[in-house]
Amino acid sequence: MTDNRTSMPEHLEEYWQKNQQIWGLFWIRPTTTMGKLAEELIIIWETTEAEEWINIVDWIPF
């Protein structure tokens, strides 16, 4: 998870240009409460496998 929308895109681009993988990245919406964030992460953890998130970048909450 990150709220670093300044330099992370550059880091991701570097990884992908080198054919490297990331284990998923969630951007956190600025107004997201800790409770909502926890709920979203629990749902993700309960309903998906780690491999489904390889090279995926998405927002929380969805």
Protein backbone atom coordinates (compact mmCIF):
# COMPACT_ATOMS: atom_id res chain seq x y z
CA MET A 1 0.00 0.00 0.00
CA THR A 2 1.17 3.48 -0.65
CA ASP A 3 0.03 7.04 -0.80
CA ASN A 4 3.23 8.00 -2.64
CA ARG A 5 1.80 9.00 -5.98
CA THR A 6 4.82 11.16 -6.77
CA SER A 7 7.73 8.78 -7.24
CA MET A 8 6.05 5.35 -7.25
CA PRO A 9 5.01 5.48 -10.92
CA GLU A 10 8.66 5.96 -11.90
CA HIS A 11 9.76 3.04 -9.72
CA LEU A 12 7.06 0.81 -11.19
CA GLU A 13 8.04 1.74 -14.72
CA GLU A 14 11.67 0.85 -13.97
CA TYR A 15 10.64 -2.57 -12.62
CA TRP A 16 8.46 -3.35 -15.60
CA GLN A 17 11.08 -2.22 -18.12
CA LYS A 18 13.46 -4.76 -16.54
CA ASN A 19 10.76 -7.48 -16.75
CA GLN A 20 10.55 -7.56 -12.96
CA GLN A 21 7.32 -8.19 -11.09
CA ILE A 22 5.61 -6.56 -8.15
CA TRP A 23 3.25 -8.33 -5.76
CA GLY A 24 0.46 -5.84 -6.28
CA LEU A 25 0.20 -2.25 -5.17
CA PHE A 26 -2.77 -0.48 -3.65
CA TRP A 27 -3.05 3.28 -3.88
CA ILE A 28 -4.91 4.58 -0.84
CA ARG A 29 -7.55 7.21 -1.47
CA PRO A 30 -6.78 10.24 0.73
CA THR A 31 -10.19 10.24 2.46
CA THR A 32 -10.12 6.53 3.35
CA THR A 33 -10.54 5.83 7.04
CA MET A 34 -8.44 3.20 8.79
CA GLY A 35 -11.60 1.18 9.41
CA LYS A 36 -12.57 1.18 5.73
CA LEU A 37 -9.01 0.33 4.73
CA ALA A 38 -8.99 -2.61 7.15
CA GLU A 39 -12.33 -3.86 5.78
CA GLU A 40 -11.10 -3.70 2.19
CA LEU A 41 -7.85 -5.53 3.00
CA ILE A 42 -9.72 -8.29 4.83
CA ILE A 43 -12.05 -8.78 1.86
CA ILE A 44 -9.08 -8.96 -0.52
CA TRP A 45 -7.26 -11.40 1.77
CA GLU A 46 -10.32 -13.66 2.12
CA THR A 47 -11.37 -13.71 -1.53
CA THR A 48 -8.19 -13.70 -3.62
CA GLU A 49 -4.85 -15.44 -3.95
CA ALA A 50 -1.56 -13.54 -3.84
CA GLU A 51 -0.71 -14.62 -7.39
CA GLU A 52 -3.77 -12.77 -8.68
CA TRP A 53 -2.14 -9.49 -7.69
CA ILE A 54 1.15 -9.86 -9.55
CA ASN A 55 1.77 -6.61 -11.46
CA ILE A 56 -1.62 -5.20 -10.47
CA VAL A 57 -2.04 -1.60 -9.33
CA ASP A 58 -5.43 -0.60 -7.95
CA TRP A 59 -7.12 1.85 -5.62
CA ILE A 60 -8.52 1.20 -2.13
CA PRO A 61 -11.40 1.45 -1.64
CA PHE A 62 -12.28 0.12 -5.07
